[in-house]
Amino acid sequence: MPIRLKKLIGTVLLILLVIVYALVATTVAVARLGESGPVVHLLFFLLTGILWILPAMAIIKWLIIERKPKNG
Protein backbone atom coordinates (compact mmCIF):
# COMPACT_ATOMS: atom_id res chain seq x y z
CA MET A 1 0.00 0.00 0.00
CA PRO A 2 1.41 3.41 -0.92
CA ILE A 3 2.44 5.45 2.10
CA ARG A 4 0.33 8.46 1.06
CA LEU A 5 -2.81 6.32 0.88
CA LYS A 6 -1.99 4.72 4.21
CA LYS A 7 -1.57 8.14 5.85
CA LEU A 8 -4.85 9.35 4.37
CA ILE A 9 -6.71 6.30 5.65
CA GLY A 10 -5.07 6.65 9.08
CA THR A 11 -5.95 10.33 9.31
CA VAL A 12 -9.58 9.70 8.39
CA LEU A 13 -9.76 6.83 10.90
CA LEU A 14 -8.34 9.01 13.69
CA ILE A 15 -10.79 11.82 12.97
CA LEU A 16 -13.72 9.40 12.88
CA LEU A 17 -12.52 7.75 16.09
CA VAL A 18 -12.41 11.05 17.95
CA ILE A 19 -15.82 12.19 16.70
CA VAL A 20 -17.61 8.89 17.34
CA TYR A 21 -15.90 8.35 20.70
CA ALA A 22 -16.80 11.85 21.89
CA LEU A 23 -20.43 11.42 20.84
CA VAL A 24 -20.71 8.03 22.54
CA ALA A 25 -19.02 9.21 25.75
CA THR A 26 -21.23 12.29 25.92
CA THR A 27 -24.39 10.28 25.22
CA VAL A 28 -23.52 7.80 27.96
CA ALA A 29 -22.77 10.64 30.36
CA VAL A 30 -26.08 12.36 29.67
CA ALA A 31 -28.07 9.12 29.90
CA ARG A 32 -26.39 7.65 32.99
CA LEU A 33 -24.82 10.44 35.01
CA GLY A 34 -27.68 12.91 35.32
CA GLU A 35 -28.20 12.31 39.04
CA SER A 36 -24.56 11.65 39.92
CA GLY A 37 -22.32 13.95 41.84
CA PRO A 38 -19.35 15.93 40.56
CA VAL A 39 -16.82 13.30 41.65
CA VAL A 40 -18.51 10.64 39.50
CA HIS A 41 -18.56 13.07 36.57
CA LEU A 42 -14.88 13.83 37.07
CA LEU A 43 -13.95 10.15 37.19
CA PHE A 44 -16.10 9.29 34.17
CA PHE A 45 -14.69 12.02 31.97
CA LEU A 46 -11.15 11.38 33.21
CA LEU A 47 -11.47 7.70 32.31
CA THR A 48 -13.16 8.27 28.95
CA GLY A 49 -10.71 11.06 28.18
CA ILE A 50 -7.84 8.61 28.54
CA LEU A 51 -9.43 5.49 27.00
CA TRP A 52 -9.64 6.87 23.46
CA ILE A 53 -5.85 6.86 23.38
CA LEU A 54 -5.70 3.04 23.14
CA PRO A 55 -7.40 2.69 19.74
CA ALA A 56 -5.63 5.84 18.53
CA MET A 57 -2.29 4.27 19.45
CA ALA A 58 -3.20 1.16 17.45
CA ILE A 59 -4.01 3.27 14.39
CA ILE A 60 -0.78 5.25 14.73
CA LYS A 61 1.22 2.04 15.18
CA TRP A 62 -0.36 0.69 11.97
CA LEU A 63 0.66 3.91 10.21
CA ILE A 64 4.27 3.68 11.34
CA ILE A 65 4.95 0.00 10.70
CA GLU A 66 6.05 -0.73 7.17
CA ARG A 67 5.72 -4.18 5.71
CA LYS A 68 8.91 -5.54 4.26
CA PRO A 69 8.62 -6.73 0.69
CA LYS A 70 8.81 -10.47 0.17
CA ASN A 71 11.88 -11.72 -1.63
CA GLY A 72 10.66 -13.99 -4.30
C-alpha atoms as a PDB file:
ATOM      1  CA  MET A   1       0.000   0.000   0.000  1.00  0.00           C
ATOM      2  CA  PRO A   2       1.414   3.406  -0.924  1.00  0.00           C
ATOM      3  CA  ILE A   3       2.439   5.455   2.100  1.00  0.00           C
ATOM      4  CA  ARG A   4       0.332   8.464   1.064  1.00  0.00           C
ATOM      5  CA  LEU A   5      -2.812   6.319   0.876  1.00  0.00           C
ATOM      6  CA  LYS A   6      -1.988   4.721   4.213  1.00  0.00           C
ATOM      7  CA  LYS A   7      -1.572   8.136   5.854  1.00  0.00           C
ATOM      8  CA  LEU A   8      -4.852   9.353   4.366  1.00  0.00           C
ATOM      9  CA  ILE A   9      -6.708   6.301   5.653  1.00  0.00           C
ATOM     10  CA  GLY A  10      -5.070   6.651   9.080  1.00  0.00           C
ATOM     11  CA  THR A  11      -5.947  10.328   9.306  1.00  0.00           C
ATOM     12  CA  VAL A  12      -9.579   9.703   8.386  1.00  0.00           C
ATOM     13  CA  LEU A  13      -9.759   6.833  10.898  1.00  0.00           C
ATOM     14  CA  LEU A  14      -8.339   9.011  13.686  1.00  0.00           C
ATOM     15  CA  ILE A  15     -10.787  11.821  12.971  1.00  0.00           C
ATOM     16  CA  LEU A  16     -13.717   9.396  12.876  1.00  0.00           C
ATOM     17  CA  LEU A  17     -12.516   7.752  16.089  1.00  0.00           C
ATOM     18  CA  VAL A  18     -12.407  11.050  17.954  1.00  0.00           C
ATOM     19  CA  ILE A  19     -15.817  12.187  16.700  1.00  0.00           C
ATOM     20  CA  VAL A  20     -17.609   8.889  17.339  1.00  0.00           C
ATOM     21  CA  TYR A  21     -15.902   8.349  20.697  1.00  0.00           C
ATOM     22  CA  ALA A  22     -16.801  11.851  21.893  1.00  0.00           C
ATOM     23  CA  LEU A  23     -20.426  11.422  20.839  1.00  0.00           C
ATOM     24  CA  VAL A  24     -20.711   8.031  22.542  1.00  0.00           C
ATOM     25  CA  ALA A  25     -19.021   9.214  25.750  1.00  0.00           C
ATOM     26  CA  THR A  26     -21.226  12.288  25.918  1.00  0.00           C
ATOM     27  CA  THR A  27     -24.386  10.281  25.217  1.00  0.00           C
ATOM     28  CA  VAL A  28     -23.525   7.795  27.961  1.00  0.00           C
ATOM     29  CA  ALA A  29     -22.767  10.638  30.355  1.00  0.00           C
ATOM     30  CA  VAL A  30     -26.077  12.361  29.671  1.00  0.00           C
ATOM     31  CA  ALA A  31     -28.068   9.124  29.899  1.00  0.00           C
ATOM     32  CA  ARG A  32     -26.392   7.646  32.988  1.00  0.00           C
ATOM     33  CA  LEU A  33     -24.824  10.443  35.014  1.00  0.00           C
ATOM     34  CA  GLY A  34     -27.683  12.907  35.319  1.00  0.00           C
ATOM     35  CA  GLU A  35     -28.201  12.313  39.038  1.00  0.00           C
ATOM     36  CA  SER A  36     -24.564  11.645  39.917  1.00  0.00           C
ATOM     37  CA  GLY A  37     -22.317  13.955  41.835  1.00  0.00           C
ATOM     38  CA  PRO A  38     -19.347  15.929  40.557  1.00  0.00           C
ATOM     39  CA  VAL A  39     -16.820  13.297  41.653  1.00  0.00           C
ATOM     40  CA  VAL A  40     -18.510  10.642  39.496  1.00  0.00           C
ATOM     41  CA  HIS A  41     -18.561  13.074  36.566  1.00  0.00           C
ATOM     42  CA  LEU A  42     -14.882  13.834  37.070  1.00  0.00           C
ATOM     43  CA  LEU A  43     -13.949  10.155  37.187  1.00  0.00           C
ATOM     44  CA  PHE A  44     -16.101   9.291  34.170  1.00  0.00           C
ATOM     45  CA  PHE A  45     -14.686  12.023  31.969  1.00  0.00           C
ATOM     46  CA  LEU A  46     -11.153  11.379  33.206  1.00  0.00           C
ATOM     47  CA  LEU A  47     -11.474   7.695  32.307  1.00  0.00           C
ATOM     48  CA  THR A  48     -13.162   8.274  28.954  1.00  0.00           C
ATOM     49  CA  GLY A  49     -10.711  11.055  28.178  1.00  0.00           C
ATOM     50  CA  ILE A  50      -7.843   8.611  28.541  1.00  0.00           C
ATOM     51  CA  LEU A  51      -9.434   5.492  27.001  1.00  0.00           C
ATOM     52  CA  TRP A  52      -9.635   6.866  23.459  1.00  0.00           C
ATOM     53  CA  ILE A  53      -5.852   6.860  23.375  1.00  0.00           C
ATOM     54  CA  LEU A  54      -5.696   3.040  23.135  1.00  0.00           C
ATOM     55  CA  PRO A  55      -7.397   2.691  19.737  1.00  0.00           C
ATOM     56  CA  ALA A  56      -5.625   5.843  18.532  1.00  0.00           C
ATOM     57  CA  MET A  57      -2.289   4.271  19.448  1.00  0.00           C
ATOM     58  CA  ALA A  58      -3.203   1.164  17.452  1.00  0.00           C
ATOM     59  CA  ILE A  59      -4.010   3.270  14.392  1.00  0.00           C
ATOM     60  CA  ILE A  60      -0.781   5.247  14.725  1.00  0.00           C
ATOM     61  CA  LYS A  61       1.223   2.044  15.178  1.00  0.00           C
ATOM     62  CA  TRP A  62      -0.362   0.694  11.972  1.00  0.00           C
ATOM     63  CA  LEU A  63       0.661   3.910  10.210  1.00  0.00           C
ATOM     64  CA  ILE A  64       4.272   3.685  11.336  1.00  0.00           C
ATOM     65  CA  ILE A  65       4.950   0.002  10.704  1.00  0.00           C
ATOM     66  CA  GLU A  66       6.052  -0.729   7.167  1.00  0.00           C
ATOM     67  CA  ARG A  67       5.717  -4.182   5.706  1.00  0.00           C
ATOM     68  CA  LYS A  68       8.915  -5.545   4.263  1.00  0.00           C
ATOM     69  CA  PRO A  69       8.620  -6.733   0.694  1.00  0.00           C
ATOM     70  CA  LYS A  70       8.809 -10.469   0.166  1.00  0.00           C
ATOM     71  CA  ASN A  71      11.876 -11.717  -1.628  1.00  0.00           C
ATOM     72  CA  GLY A  72      10.657 -13.989  -4.303  1.00  0.00           C
END
